[in-house]
Amino acid sequence: MGYAIEMFFDGVGESRLLSVWDDFVRFGATTMRNGNARPHISLAVADSVDLPATRQLLSDFAQSLQPFELTLATLGWFTASEHVLLLAPKVTSKLLGLHERFFERFSNVADGVWQHYVPATWMPHCTLAMGLSATQLGLALDACQSFRLPLACTVSEIGLVEFSPVNDVLTVSFGE
């Protein structure tokens, strides 16, 4: 089992991203929806966490934030033997600062932090589909032609999920 800290979109943004995930199912792509996930941007991933301390951290951190707009501006993919298709947000100093502030605290309550999420290497993204063959990647890119970018979304929640499979442990709205 692993744990991820994820930022979630408001209902409008989430619905739009879920519809993209649904479009990909028609050509056999594995979306995050297959694993019971919600559209999100991961702030951190670790092998294990101190659950009570992480719950407190999320509650405190969410209280310090208000919902904010994030612009998903770029369609891209991580290359590997099986491709991961993603939307990348416009990276701002506000987003990087939020991540750095959160990560500084999170590293004190987590073990086995995944290096892709360390501030110096973090590449914020919203996964659309993963495990794509080259053929599926082409079909997914074609499907994205109708998906108008940039997409302005409101980030309104932060949560702790356990995976795999995805199990929501805690979700907290910003400003609460």
Foldseek 3Di string as FASTA:
>chain_A
DKKWKWWAFPPVVQVVLVVLLVVLVVVPFAFLVVLVDTWTWTLWMARDFPVVQVVVLQVVLLQVDAKDKWWQADWDWDDDQKIWTWTATDDDPVVLVSSQVSVVSRVVGGHGIDPCNHSVNDGIITTNTIRHHPVSVVVSVVSCVPVDPGDMTIGFKMFMWDDDRTDTDDIDGHSD
